[in-house]
Every structure is written in structure tokens, then in C-alpha cells.
């Protein structure tokens, strides 16, 4: 489950899951929903994700920026996510999705980057919560 947060300097995503992996998957879905209306985009291709980082927060921000990288370089819209491993040095996994066609799909917001501004990732009594803001 994710919700979109309003902020004077950008937009945020607050995601909650049963564990940190589930929270990151929902944050990933939130990132995609900020960028495009994904209705009608098939999830028929895959991209591998590798998000290195010196700590947990850097890994999460790098993971979310991978979504932007694939969209900006290929027009690839990430729709479904799997996390294969999450170690002290990186997150690995994959995304399934399809390609954005401006004649058929609606662009919502141009997202520049996921940031560390007011970033939080923490356990909760019900699982895990991630809050991240993006530059738009």
C-alpha cells in the first residue's frame, strides 16, 4: 500500500508493507504511478535491477532511480517488481513492464530523481514503512 504525499519542493511516496521488501515494492509502484498512467501497458518484458549503496537508504534511493533510468533511456515502464536479495551492499531484483507510447499512454509527472530529502525507512509495529520524496 502506498500513498502520495504533497510537499512544496516535490512529491513524496509513503509505502507500507509487511517487511522492507514489500514496502520497497510498493514504493516502486508509487514511483511508476507518479510518472505515467500505466493502463494498457503490458508487463511482457523484464529488466534486471542492481541497486548498490553504502547503506540501506542509498540502496532504496538507487533502486527507485533505476525505475527512472529505464523510463528515461528506453521508455520502459516498470509495473511489477521482485526483490531477489537485499544485502549490506546492494539490492538485486527485476521489474516487468512494457514501453510507453505517447500516442496511447498518459504521462503524469516528469520525475527527475528520488532523493534523500526527509527520507525514512523504518520498522513499524505492522511491518515496514518507507517515505521518500522525488524531485519533479
Protein backbone atom coordinates (compact mmCIF):
# COMPACT_ATOMS: atom_id res chain seq x y z
CA UNK A 1 0.00 0.00 0.00
CA UNK A 2 1.32 3.44 -0.88
CA UNK A 3 0.09 6.99 -0.72
CA UNK A 4 1.26 10.13 -2.46
CA UNK A 5 2.49 12.96 -0.22
CA UNK A 6 2.35 16.62 -1.21
CA UNK A 7 5.40 18.76 -0.47
CA UNK A 8 6.33 22.33 -1.52
CA UNK A 9 9.56 21.16 -3.14
CA UNK A 10 8.33 17.97 -4.78
CA UNK A 11 6.17 14.93 -4.29
CA UNK A 12 6.56 12.08 -1.86
CA UNK A 13 5.66 8.44 -1.58
CA UNK A 14 4.79 6.76 1.71
CA UNK A 15 4.70 2.99 1.42
CA UNK A 16 3.95 0.33 3.98
CA UNK A 17 4.46 -3.40 3.81
CA UNK A 18 4.78 -6.49 5.94
CA UNK A 19 8.57 -6.23 5.58
CA UNK A 20 11.10 -3.89 3.96
CA UNK A 21 10.94 -5.75 0.64
CA UNK A 22 7.15 -5.35 0.43
CA UNK A 23 7.45 -1.66 1.37
CA UNK A 24 10.06 -1.13 -1.36
CA UNK A 25 7.89 -2.88 -3.95
CA UNK A 26 5.00 -0.59 -3.06
CA UNK A 27 7.27 2.48 -3.15
CA UNK A 28 8.31 1.31 -6.62
CA UNK A 29 4.68 1.10 -7.72
CA UNK A 30 4.15 4.57 -6.28
CA UNK A 31 7.07 5.93 -8.29
CA UNK A 32 5.64 4.49 -11.50
CA UNK A 33 2.17 5.87 -10.72
CA UNK A 34 3.64 9.36 -10.34
CA UNK A 35 5.19 9.15 -13.80
CA UNK A 36 2.55 7.56 -16.02
CA UNK A 37 -0.95 6.19 -16.21
CA UNK A 38 0.04 2.59 -16.83
CA UNK A 39 -3.38 1.38 -18.02
CA UNK A 40 -2.91 -0.60 -21.20
CA UNK A 41 0.82 -1.13 -20.83
CA UNK A 42 1.55 -4.87 -20.85
CA UNK A 43 4.06 -6.41 -18.45
CA UNK A 44 5.73 -8.54 -21.12
CA UNK A 45 9.42 -7.56 -20.76
CA UNK A 46 11.90 -7.72 -17.88
CA UNK A 47 14.78 -5.59 -16.69
CA UNK A 48 17.30 -6.61 -14.04
CA UNK A 49 17.82 -4.20 -11.16
CA UNK A 50 21.05 -3.75 -9.21
CA UNK A 51 20.99 -1.01 -6.61
CA UNK A 52 24.29 -0.73 -4.76
CA UNK A 53 24.74 1.54 -1.81
CA UNK A 54 26.81 2.08 1.28
CA UNK A 55 23.71 1.83 3.45
CA UNK A 56 20.03 0.94 3.38
CA UNK A 57 18.85 4.44 2.41
CA UNK A 58 21.29 4.72 -0.52
CA UNK A 59 20.19 1.31 -1.78
CA UNK A 60 16.49 2.27 -1.70
CA UNK A 61 17.08 5.62 -3.43
CA UNK A 62 19.28 3.92 -6.07
CA UNK A 63 16.59 1.24 -6.64
CA UNK A 64 13.93 3.90 -7.22
CA UNK A 65 16.26 5.80 -9.53
CA UNK A 66 16.63 2.62 -11.62
CA UNK A 67 12.93 2.96 -12.44
CA UNK A 68 13.63 6.44 -13.77
CA UNK A 69 16.73 5.29 -15.64
CA UNK A 70 14.82 2.65 -17.62
CA UNK A 71 11.98 5.07 -18.37
CA UNK A 72 14.29 7.90 -19.42
CA UNK A 73 16.63 5.78 -21.56
CA UNK A 74 14.20 3.26 -23.09
CA UNK A 75 10.67 4.45 -22.39
CA UNK A 76 10.33 1.29 -20.31
CA UNK A 77 7.57 1.47 -17.68
CA UNK A 78 8.20 -0.76 -14.67
CA UNK A 79 4.96 -2.34 -13.45
CA UNK A 80 5.76 -5.45 -11.42
CA UNK A 81 8.74 -5.89 -9.12
CA UNK A 82 10.65 -8.75 -7.48
CA UNK A 83 13.44 -8.42 -4.98
CA UNK A 84 15.84 -11.35 -5.19
CA UNK A 85 18.29 -10.32 -2.48
CA UNK A 86 18.98 -7.43 -0.15
CA UNK A 87 22.42 -7.42 1.42
CA UNK A 88 24.52 -4.83 3.24
CA UNK A 89 25.91 -3.65 -0.10
CA UNK A 90 23.07 -3.92 -2.67
CA UNK A 91 19.55 -4.84 -3.65
CA UNK A 92 19.05 -7.08 -6.67
CA UNK A 93 15.84 -7.99 -8.42
CA UNK A 94 13.84 -7.34 -11.53
CA UNK A 95 10.97 -5.37 -12.95
CA UNK A 96 8.43 -6.44 -15.53
CA UNK A 97 6.75 -3.91 -17.73
CA UNK A 98 6.33 -2.52 -21.19
CA UNK A 99 7.00 0.52 -23.30
CA UNK A 100 5.41 3.95 -23.05
CA UNK A 101 3.72 5.15 -26.21
CA UNK A 102 2.80 8.84 -26.05
CA UNK A 103 0.01 8.26 -28.58
CA UNK A 104 -1.67 5.71 -26.31
CA UNK A 105 -0.50 6.38 -22.75
CA UNK A 106 -0.73 9.41 -20.49
CA UNK A 107 2.37 10.99 -18.97
CA UNK A 108 1.59 12.31 -15.50
CA UNK A 109 4.67 13.92 -13.97
CA UNK A 110 8.25 14.30 -15.07
CA UNK A 111 10.23 12.89 -12.15
CA UNK A 112 13.90 13.90 -12.07
CA UNK A 113 15.18 11.77 -9.19
CA UNK A 114 14.43 10.06 -5.92
CA UNK A 115 16.16 12.00 -3.13
CA UNK A 116 17.37 11.70 0.43
CA UNK A 117 15.30 14.74 1.47
CA UNK A 118 13.21 13.67 4.51
CA UNK A 119 13.92 10.03 3.62
CA UNK A 120 12.79 7.48 6.18
CA UNK A 121 12.85 3.71 6.18
CA UNK A 122 11.94 2.03 9.42
CA UNK A 123 10.23 -0.90 11.05
CA UNK A 124 6.72 -0.36 12.39
CA UNK A 125 4.50 -2.47 14.62
CA UNK A 126 2.82 -3.82 11.48
CA UNK A 127 5.91 -4.32 9.30
CA UNK A 128 7.94 -1.67 7.49
CA UNK A 129 7.49 1.89 6.21
CA UNK A 130 9.41 3.87 3.58
CA UNK A 131 8.98 7.59 2.93
CA UNK A 132 10.82 9.13 0.02
CA UNK A 133 10.48 12.41 -1.84
CA UNK A 134 11.24 12.91 -5.51
CA UNK A 135 12.34 15.97 -7.47
CA UNK A 136 9.84 16.91 -10.15
